[in-house]
PDB file of N, CA and C in Angstrom:
ATOM      1  N   UNK A   1     -10.036   4.489  10.115  1.00  0.00           N
ATOM      2  CA  UNK A   1     -11.349   4.033  10.520  1.00  0.00           C
ATOM      3  C   UNK A   1     -12.206   3.900   9.264  1.00  0.00           C
ATOM      4  N   UNK A   2     -12.973   2.845   9.190  1.00  0.00           N
ATOM      5  CA  UNK A   2     -13.797   2.620   8.006  1.00  0.00           C
ATOM      6  C   UNK A   2     -14.952   3.619   7.935  1.00  0.00           C
ATOM      7  N   UNK A   3     -15.421   3.830   6.724  1.00  0.00           N
ATOM      8  CA  UNK A   3     -16.545   4.750   6.528  1.00  0.00           C
ATOM      9  C   UNK A   3     -17.782   4.251   7.276  1.00  0.00           C
ATOM     10  N   UNK A   4     -18.003   2.939   7.301  1.00  0.00           N
ATOM     11  CA  UNK A   4     -19.149   2.390   8.035  1.00  0.00           C
ATOM     12  C   UNK A   4     -19.068   2.754   9.511  1.00  0.00           C
ATOM     13  N   UNK A   5     -17.888   2.671  10.089  1.00  0.00           N
ATOM     14  CA  UNK A   5     -17.724   3.034  11.501  1.00  0.00           C
ATOM     15  C   UNK A   5     -17.947   4.518  11.721  1.00  0.00           C
ATOM     16  N   UNK A   6     -17.493   5.340  10.792  1.00  0.00           N
ATOM     17  CA  UNK A   6     -17.701   6.786  10.927  1.00  0.00           C
ATOM     18  C   UNK A   6     -19.182   7.130  10.853  1.00  0.00           C
ATOM     19  N   UNK A   7     -19.917   6.455   9.979  1.00  0.00           N
ATOM     20  CA  UNK A   7     -21.359   6.691   9.896  1.00  0.00           C
ATOM     21  C   UNK A   7     -22.032   6.283  11.201  1.00  0.00           C
ATOM     22  N   UNK A   8     -21.623   5.148  11.755  1.00  0.00           N
ATOM     23  CA  UNK A   8     -22.202   4.674  13.010  1.00  0.00           C
ATOM     24  C   UNK A   8     -21.907   5.631  14.165  1.00  0.00           C
ATOM     25  N   UNK A   9     -20.724   6.214  14.174  1.00  0.00           N
ATOM     26  CA  UNK A   9     -20.398   7.192  15.216  1.00  0.00           C
ATOM     27  C   UNK A   9     -21.232   8.461  15.079  1.00  0.00           C
ATOM     28  N   UNK A  10     -21.582   8.802  13.843  1.00  0.00           N
ATOM     29  CA  UNK A  10     -22.332  10.031  13.591  1.00  0.00           C
ATOM     30  C   UNK A  10     -23.823   9.891  13.849  1.00  0.00           C
ATOM     31  N   UNK A  11     -24.341   8.661  13.842  1.00  0.00           N
ATOM     32  CA  UNK A  11     -25.786   8.473  13.991  1.00  0.00           C
ATOM     33  C   UNK A  11     -26.105   7.361  14.982  1.00  0.00           C
ATOM     34  N   UNK A  12     -26.954   7.646  15.965  1.00  0.00           N
ATOM     35  CA  UNK A  12     -27.356   6.590  16.899  1.00  0.00           C
ATOM     36  C   UNK A  12     -28.254   5.536  16.249  1.00  0.00           C
ATOM     37  N   UNK A  13     -28.726   5.798  15.025  1.00  0.00           N
ATOM     38  CA  UNK A  13     -29.585   4.843  14.322  1.00  0.00           C
ATOM     39  C   UNK A  13     -28.783   3.827  13.520  1.00  0.00           C
ATOM     40  N   UNK A  14     -27.466   3.972  13.506  1.00  0.00           N
ATOM     41  CA  UNK A  14     -26.604   3.100  12.703  1.00  0.00           C
ATOM     42  C   UNK A  14     -25.642   2.356  13.619  1.00  0.00           C
ATOM     43  N   UNK A  15     -25.475   1.078  13.327  1.00  0.00           N
ATOM     44  CA  UNK A  15     -24.510   0.264  14.062  1.00  0.00           C
ATOM     45  C   UNK A  15     -23.615  -0.414  13.036  1.00  0.00           C
ATOM     46  N   UNK A  16     -22.331  -0.396  13.261  1.00  0.00           N
ATOM     47  CA  UNK A  16     -21.383  -1.032  12.354  1.00  0.00           C
ATOM     48  C   UNK A  16     -20.580  -2.078  13.119  1.00  0.00           C
ATOM     49  N   UNK A  17     -20.385  -3.220  12.501  1.00  0.00           N
ATOM     50  CA  UNK A  17     -19.565  -4.284  13.067  1.00  0.00           C
ATOM     51  C   UNK A  17     -18.578  -4.705  11.994  1.00  0.00           C
ATOM     52  N   UNK A  18     -17.300  -4.625  12.312  1.00  0.00           N
ATOM     53  CA  UNK A  18     -16.267  -5.045  11.366  1.00  0.00           C
ATOM     54  C   UNK A  18     -15.732  -6.398  11.811  1.00  0.00           C
ATOM     55  N   UNK A  19     -15.646  -7.311  10.865  1.00  0.00           N
ATOM     56  CA  UNK A  19     -15.225  -8.681  11.161  1.00  0.00           C
ATOM     57  C   UNK A  19     -14.073  -9.042  10.235  1.00  0.00           C
ATOM     58  N   UNK A  20     -13.039  -9.659  10.777  1.00  0.00           N
ATOM     59  CA  UNK A  20     -11.938 -10.169   9.969  1.00  0.00           C
ATOM     60  C   UNK A  20     -12.393 -11.491   9.354  1.00  0.00           C
ATOM     61  N   UNK A  21     -12.605 -11.482   8.038  1.00  0.00           N
ATOM     62  CA  UNK A  21     -13.194 -12.630   7.332  1.00  0.00           C
ATOM     63  C   UNK A  21     -12.409 -13.919   7.558  1.00  0.00           C
ATOM     64  N   UNK A  22     -11.087 -13.846   7.603  1.00  0.00           N
ATOM     65  CA  UNK A  22     -10.272 -15.056   7.783  1.00  0.00           C
ATOM     66  C   UNK A  22     -10.380 -15.638   9.180  1.00  0.00           C
ATOM     67  N   UNK A  23     -10.713 -14.821  10.151  1.00  0.00           N
ATOM     68  CA  UNK A  23     -10.815 -15.296  11.532  1.00  0.00           C
ATOM     69  C   UNK A  23     -12.181 -15.896  11.846  1.00  0.00           C
ATOM     70  N   UNK A  24     -13.183 -15.630  11.003  1.00  0.00           N
ATOM     71  CA  UNK A  24     -14.530 -16.141  11.222  1.00  0.00           C
ATOM     72  C   UNK A  24     -15.055 -16.772   9.932  1.00  0.00           C
ATOM     73  N   UNK A  25     -14.493 -17.921   9.540  1.00  0.00           N
ATOM     74  CA  UNK A  25     -14.873 -18.522   8.255  1.00  0.00           C
ATOM     75  C   UNK A  25     -16.345 -18.906   8.163  1.00  0.00           C
ATOM     76  N   UNK A  26     -16.960 -19.331   9.256  1.00  0.00           N
ATOM     77  CA  UNK A  26     -18.374 -19.716   9.180  1.00  0.00           C
ATOM     78  C   UNK A  26     -19.258 -18.477   8.951  1.00  0.00           C
ATOM     79  N   UNK A  27     -18.908 -17.371   9.571  1.00  0.00           N
ATOM     80  CA  UNK A  27     -19.646 -16.132   9.361  1.00  0.00           C
ATOM     81  C   UNK A  27     -19.431 -15.630   7.930  1.00  0.00           C
ATOM     82  N   UNK A  28     -18.203 -15.748   7.454  1.00  0.00           N
ATOM     83  CA  UNK A  28     -17.910 -15.357   6.072  1.00  0.00           C
ATOM     84  C   UNK A  28     -18.712 -16.195   5.088  1.00  0.00           C
ATOM     85  N   UNK A  29     -18.825 -17.483   5.363  1.00  0.00           N
ATOM     86  CA  UNK A  29     -19.610 -18.367   4.491  1.00  0.00           C
ATOM     87  C   UNK A  29     -21.094 -18.008   4.551  1.00  0.00           C
ATOM     88  N   UNK A  30     -21.584 -17.696   5.744  1.00  0.00           N
ATOM     89  CA  UNK A  30     -22.992 -17.342   5.922  1.00  0.00           C
ATOM     90  C   UNK A  30     -23.373 -16.139   5.060  1.00  0.00           C
ATOM     91  N   UNK A  31     -22.473 -15.169   4.952  1.00  0.00           N
ATOM     92  CA  UNK A  31     -22.767 -13.962   4.193  1.00  0.00           C
ATOM     93  C   UNK A  31     -22.170 -13.982   2.786  1.00  0.00           C
ATOM     94  N   UNK A  32     -21.598 -15.114   2.382  1.00  0.00           N
ATOM     95  CA  UNK A  32     -21.092 -15.264   1.028  1.00  0.00           C
ATOM     96  C   UNK A  32     -19.925 -14.356   0.693  1.00  0.00           C
ATOM     97  N   UNK A  33     -19.038 -14.158   1.645  1.00  0.00           N
ATOM     98  CA  UNK A  33     -17.895 -13.280   1.421  1.00  0.00           C
ATOM     99  C   UNK A  33     -16.944 -13.933   0.428  1.00  0.00           C
ATOM    100  N   UNK A  34     -16.685 -13.241  -0.677  1.00  0.00           N
ATOM    101  CA  UNK A  34     -15.755 -13.716  -1.705  1.00  0.00           C
ATOM    102  C   UNK A  34     -14.628 -12.714  -1.918  1.00  0.00           C
ATOM    103  N   UNK A  35     -14.830 -11.496  -1.438  1.00  0.00           N
ATOM    104  CA  UNK A  35     -13.829 -10.443  -1.559  1.00  0.00           C
ATOM    105  C   UNK A  35     -14.035  -9.445  -0.448  1.00  0.00           C
ATOM    106  N   UNK A  36     -13.032  -8.639  -0.208  1.00  0.00           N
ATOM    107  CA  UNK A  36     -13.127  -7.644   0.847  1.00  0.00           C
ATOM    108  C   UNK A  36     -12.756  -6.279   0.297  1.00  0.00           C
ATOM    109  N   UNK A  37     -13.327  -5.211   0.808  1.00  0.00           N
ATOM    110  CA  UNK A  37     -14.364  -5.225   1.827  1.00  0.00           C
ATOM    111  C   UNK A  37     -15.699  -5.731   1.281  1.00  0.00           C
ATOM    112  N   UNK A  38     -16.423  -6.417   2.115  1.00  0.00           N
ATOM    113  CA  UNK A  38     -17.749  -6.961   1.798  1.00  0.00           C
ATOM    114  C   UNK A  38     -18.694  -6.330   2.812  1.00  0.00           C
ATOM    115  N   UNK A  39     -19.542  -5.446   2.367  1.00  0.00           N
ATOM    116  CA  UNK A  39     -20.433  -4.705   3.261  1.00  0.00           C
ATOM    117  C   UNK A  39     -21.837  -5.268   3.164  1.00  0.00           C
ATOM    118  N   UNK A  40     -22.402  -5.618   4.315  1.00  0.00           N
ATOM    119  CA  UNK A  40     -23.760  -6.152   4.393  1.00  0.00           C
ATOM    120  C   UNK A  40     -24.622  -5.124   5.115  1.00  0.00           C
ATOM    121  N   UNK A  41     -25.796  -4.853   4.559  1.00  0.00           N
ATOM    122  CA  UNK A  41     -26.712  -3.880   5.159  1.00  0.00           C
ATOM    123  C   UNK A  41     -27.969  -4.618   5.606  1.00  0.00           C
ATOM    124  N   UNK A  42     -28.261  -4.534   6.897  1.00  0.00           N
ATOM    125  CA  UNK A  42     -29.463  -5.163   7.472  1.00  0.00           C
ATOM    126  C   UNK A  42     -29.571  -6.643   7.129  1.00  0.00           C
ATOM    127  N   UNK A  43     -28.444  -7.329   7.139  1.00  0.00           N
ATOM    128  CA  UNK A  43     -28.373  -8.774   6.888  1.00  0.00           C
ATOM    129  C   UNK A  43     -28.951  -9.196   5.543  1.00  0.00           C
ATOM    130  N   UNK A  44     -29.168  -8.252   4.653  1.00  0.00           N
ATOM    131  CA  UNK A  44     -29.757  -8.558   3.353  1.00  0.00           C
ATOM    132  C   UNK A  44     -28.880  -8.086   2.222  1.00  0.00           C
ATOM    133  N   UNK A  45     -29.058  -6.828   1.853  1.00  0.00           N
ATOM    134  CA  UNK A  45     -28.291  -6.269   0.749  1.00  0.00           C
ATOM    135  C   UNK A  45     -26.808  -6.236   1.065  1.00  0.00           C
ATOM    136  N   UNK A  46     -25.997  -6.410   0.041  1.00  0.00           N
ATOM    137  CA  UNK A  46     -24.554  -6.399   0.234  1.00  0.00           C
ATOM    138  C   UNK A  46     -23.871  -5.876  -1.016  1.00  0.00           C
ATOM    139  N   UNK A  47     -22.677  -5.357  -0.830  1.00  0.00           N
ATOM    140  CA  UNK A  47     -21.849  -4.961  -1.957  1.00  0.00           C
ATOM    141  C   UNK A  47     -20.393  -5.206  -1.594  1.00  0.00           C
ATOM    142  N   UNK A  48     -19.587  -5.409  -2.621  1.00  0.00           N
ATOM    143  CA  UNK A  48     -18.176  -5.745  -2.430  1.00  0.00           C
ATOM    144  C   UNK A  48     -17.317  -4.661  -3.058  1.00  0.00           C
ATOM    145  N   UNK A  49     -16.282  -4.323  -2.372  1.00  0.00           N
ATOM    146  CA  UNK A  49     -15.307  -3.379  -2.910  1.00  0.00           C
ATOM    147  C   UNK A  49     -15.298  -2.068  -2.160  1.00  0.00           C
ATOM    148  N   UNK A  50     -14.202  -1.357  -2.333  1.00  0.00           N
ATOM    149  CA  UNK A  50     -14.053  -0.040  -1.729  1.00  0.00           C
ATOM    150  C   UNK A  50     -14.671   0.976  -2.677  1.00  0.00           C
ATOM    151  N   UNK A  51     -15.755   1.566  -2.262  1.00  0.00           N
ATOM    152  CA  UNK A  51     -16.471   2.536  -3.087  1.00  0.00           C
ATOM    153  C   UNK A  51     -16.101   3.951  -2.664  1.00  0.00           C
ATOM    154  N   UNK A  52     -16.199   4.900  -3.588  1.00  0.00           N
ATOM    155  CA  UNK A  52     -16.071   6.298  -3.171  1.00  0.00           C
ATOM    156  C   UNK A  52     -17.160   6.622  -2.146  1.00  0.00           C
ATOM    157  N   UNK A  53     -16.900   7.581  -1.297  1.00  0.00           N
ATOM    158  CA  UNK A  53     -17.820   7.890  -0.192  1.00  0.00           C
ATOM    159  C   UNK A  53     -19.256   8.084  -0.649  1.00  0.00           C
ATOM    160  N   UNK A  54     -19.489   8.875  -1.678  1.00  0.00           N
ATOM    161  CA  UNK A  54     -20.876   9.140  -2.109  1.00  0.00           C
ATOM    162  C   UNK A  54     -21.558   7.861  -2.584  1.00  0.00           C
ATOM    163  N   UNK A  55     -20.832   6.963  -3.260  1.00  0.00           N
ATOM    164  CA  UNK A  55     -21.411   5.707  -3.721  1.00  0.00           C
ATOM    165  C   UNK A  55     -21.662   4.755  -2.551  1.00  0.00           C
ATOM    166  N   UNK A  56     -20.749   4.765  -1.574  1.00  0.00           N
ATOM    167  CA  UNK A  56     -20.918   3.931  -0.382  1.00  0.00           C
ATOM    168  C   UNK A  56     -22.182   4.342   0.367  1.00  0.00           C
ATOM    169  N   UNK A  57     -22.336   5.639   0.596  1.00  0.00           N
ATOM    170  CA  UNK A  57     -23.520   6.139   1.321  1.00  0.00           C
ATOM    171  C   UNK A  57     -24.786   5.788   0.547  1.00  0.00           C
ATOM    172  N   UNK A  58     -24.781   5.976  -0.766  1.00  0.00           N
ATOM    173  CA  UNK A  58     -25.955   5.650  -1.580  1.00  0.00           C
ATOM    174  C   UNK A  58     -26.279   4.159  -1.496  1.00  0.00           C
ATOM    175  N   UNK A  59     -25.256   3.306  -1.528  1.00  0.00           N
ATOM    176  CA  UNK A  59     -25.481   1.857  -1.457  1.00  0.00           C
ATOM    177  C   UNK A  59     -26.032   1.451  -0.089  1.00  0.00           C
ATOM    178  N   UNK A  60     -25.529   2.061   0.971  1.00  0.00           N
ATOM    179  CA  UNK A  60     -26.028   1.753   2.321  1.00  0.00           C
ATOM    180  C   UNK A  60     -27.477   2.211   2.466  1.00  0.00           C
ATOM    181  N   UNK A  61     -27.774   3.424   2.001  1.00  0.00           N
ATOM    182  CA  UNK A  61     -29.148   3.918   2.082  1.00  0.00           C
ATOM    183  C   UNK A  61     -30.091   3.031   1.280  1.00  0.00           C
ATOM    184  N   UNK A  62     -29.677   2.644   0.090  1.00  0.00           N
ATOM    185  CA  UNK A  62     -30.500   1.761  -0.739  1.00  0.00           C
ATOM    186  C   UNK A  62     -30.723   0.426  -0.030  1.00  0.00           C
ATOM    187  N   UNK A  63     -29.673  -0.125   0.564  1.00  0.00           N
ATOM    188  CA  UNK A  63     -29.797  -1.388   1.291  1.00  0.00           C
ATOM    189  C   UNK A  63     -30.706  -1.282   2.498  1.00  0.00           C
ATOM    190  N   UNK A  64     -30.788  -0.077   3.061  1.00  0.00           N
ATOM    191  CA  UNK A  64     -31.658   0.151   4.216  1.00  0.00           C
ATOM    192  C   UNK A  64     -33.080   0.503   3.805  1.00  0.00           C
ATOM    193  N   UNK A  65     -33.315   0.583   2.490  1.00  0.00           N
ATOM    194  CA  UNK A  65     -34.664   0.890   2.013  1.00  0.00           C
ATOM    195  C   UNK A  65     -35.010   2.362   2.065  1.00  0.00           C
ATOM    196  N   UNK A  66     -33.995   3.229   2.098  1.00  0.00           N
ATOM    197  CA  UNK A  66     -34.229   4.667   2.152  1.00  0.00           C
ATOM    198  C   UNK A  66     -34.027   5.230   0.751  1.00  0.00           C
ATOM    199  N   UNK A  67     -35.031   5.932   0.213  1.00  0.00           N
ATOM    200  CA  UNK A  67     -34.887   6.483  -1.132  1.00  0.00           C
ATOM    201  C   UNK A  67     -33.752   7.503  -1.190  1.00  0.00           C
ATOM    202  N   UNK A  68     -32.986   7.436  -2.261  1.00  0.00           N
ATOM    203  CA  UNK A  68     -31.854   8.337  -2.452  1.00  0.00           C
ATOM    204  C   UNK A  68     -32.138   9.221  -3.655  1.00  0.00           C
ATOM    205  N   UNK A  69     -32.027  10.513  -3.451  1.00  0.00           N
ATOM    206  CA  UNK A  69     -32.204  11.472  -4.536  1.00  0.00           C
ATOM    207  C   UNK A  69     -30.827  11.863  -5.031  1.00  0.00           C
ATOM    208  N   UNK A  70     -30.495  11.457  -6.263  1.00  0.00           N
ATOM    209  CA  UNK A  70     -29.209  11.823  -6.856  1.00  0.00           C
ATOM    210  C   UNK A  70     -29.278  13.284  -7.248  1.00  0.00           C
ATOM    211  N   UNK A  71     -28.756  14.149  -6.398  1.00  0.00           N
ATOM    212  CA  UNK A  71     -28.785  15.585  -6.657  1.00  0.00           C
ATOM    213  C   UNK A  71     -27.886  15.959  -7.813  1.00  0.00           C
ATOM    214  N   UNK A  72     -28.150  17.113  -8.437  1.00  0.00           N
ATOM    215  CA  UNK A  72     -27.350  17.530  -9.585  1.00  0.00           C
ATOM    216  C   UNK A  72     -25.969  18.024  -9.210  1.00  0.00           C
ATOM    217  N   UNK A  73     -25.765  18.372  -7.945  1.00  0.00           N
ATOM    218  CA  UNK A  73     -24.487  18.943  -7.535  1.00  0.00           C
ATOM    219  C   UNK A  73     -23.433  17.883  -7.247  1.00  0.00           C
ATOM    220  N   UNK A  74     -22.185  18.332  -7.032  1.00  0.00           N
ATOM    221  CA  UNK A  74     -21.094  17.406  -6.769  1.00  0.00           C
ATOM    222  C   UNK A  74     -21.132  16.832  -5.362  1.00  0.00           C
ATOM    223  N   UNK A  75     -22.094  17.252  -4.544  1.00  0.00           N
ATOM    224  CA  UNK A  75     -22.177  16.754  -3.176  1.00  0.00           C
ATOM    225  C   UNK A  75     -22.634  15.325  -3.074  1.00  0.00           C
ATOM    226  N   UNK A  76     -23.139  14.752  -4.145  1.00  0.00           N
ATOM    227  CA  UNK A  76     -23.550  13.362  -4.140  1.00  0.00           C
ATOM    228  C   UNK A  76     -24.982  13.190  -3.715  1.00  0.00           C
ATOM    229  N   UNK A  77     -25.330  11.945  -3.333  1.00  0.00           N
ATOM    230  CA  UNK A  77     -26.705  11.622  -2.988  1.00  0.00           C
ATOM    231  C   UNK A  77     -27.157  12.396  -1.747  1.00  0.00           C
ATOM    232  N   UNK A  78     -28.444  12.647  -1.708  1.00  0.00           N
ATOM    233  CA  UNK A  78     -29.008  13.268  -0.521  1.00  0.00           C
ATOM    234  C   UNK A  78     -30.312  12.569  -0.204  1.00  0.00           C
ATOM    235  N   UNK A  79     -30.704  12.657   1.039  1.00  0.00           N
ATOM    236  CA  UNK A  79     -31.962  12.051   1.465  1.00  0.00           C
ATOM    237  C   UNK A  79     -32.539  12.872   2.601  1.00  0.00           C
ATOM    238  N   UNK A  80     -33.840  12.875   2.701  1.00  0.00           N
ATOM    239  CA  UNK A  80     -34.500  13.510   3.828  1.00  0.00           C
ATOM    240  C   UNK A  80     -35.027  12.413   4.719  1.00  0.00           C
ATOM    241  N   UNK A  81     -34.618  12.442   5.971  1.00  0.00           N
ATOM    242  CA  UNK A  81     -35.090  11.460   6.932  1.00  0.00           C
ATOM    243  C   UNK A  81     -36.139  12.105   7.805  1.00  0.00           C
ATOM    244  N   UNK A  82     -37.271  12.376   7.201  1.00  0.00           N
ATOM    245  CA  UNK A  82     -38.355  13.032   7.928  1.00  0.00           C
ATOM    246  C   UNK A  82     -39.059  12.077   8.858  1.00  0.00           C
ATOM    247  N   UNK A  83     -39.663  12.615   9.919  1.00  0.00           N
ATOM    248  CA  UNK A  83     -40.283  11.739  10.887  1.00  0.00           C
ATOM    249  C   UNK A  83     -41.703  11.893  11.011  1.00  0.00           C
TER     250      UNK A  83
END
């Protein structure tokens, strides 16, 4: 299961849709897919490639406009989602 899907399962605020780029060429063209995996966040920000988990989470948070605090520990990025 992809990391995007696992994040979506863990949070009701996240939705993940996985698309086979070769089966939907017009959608792939719309989002400028040139390599896979190609991750799009909120139909705007995007990144290509398989990233380590901490980098993937940081890229998704950045694409969603959520500030990421690069903590000093090996746990990776952290964020507070205060309400």
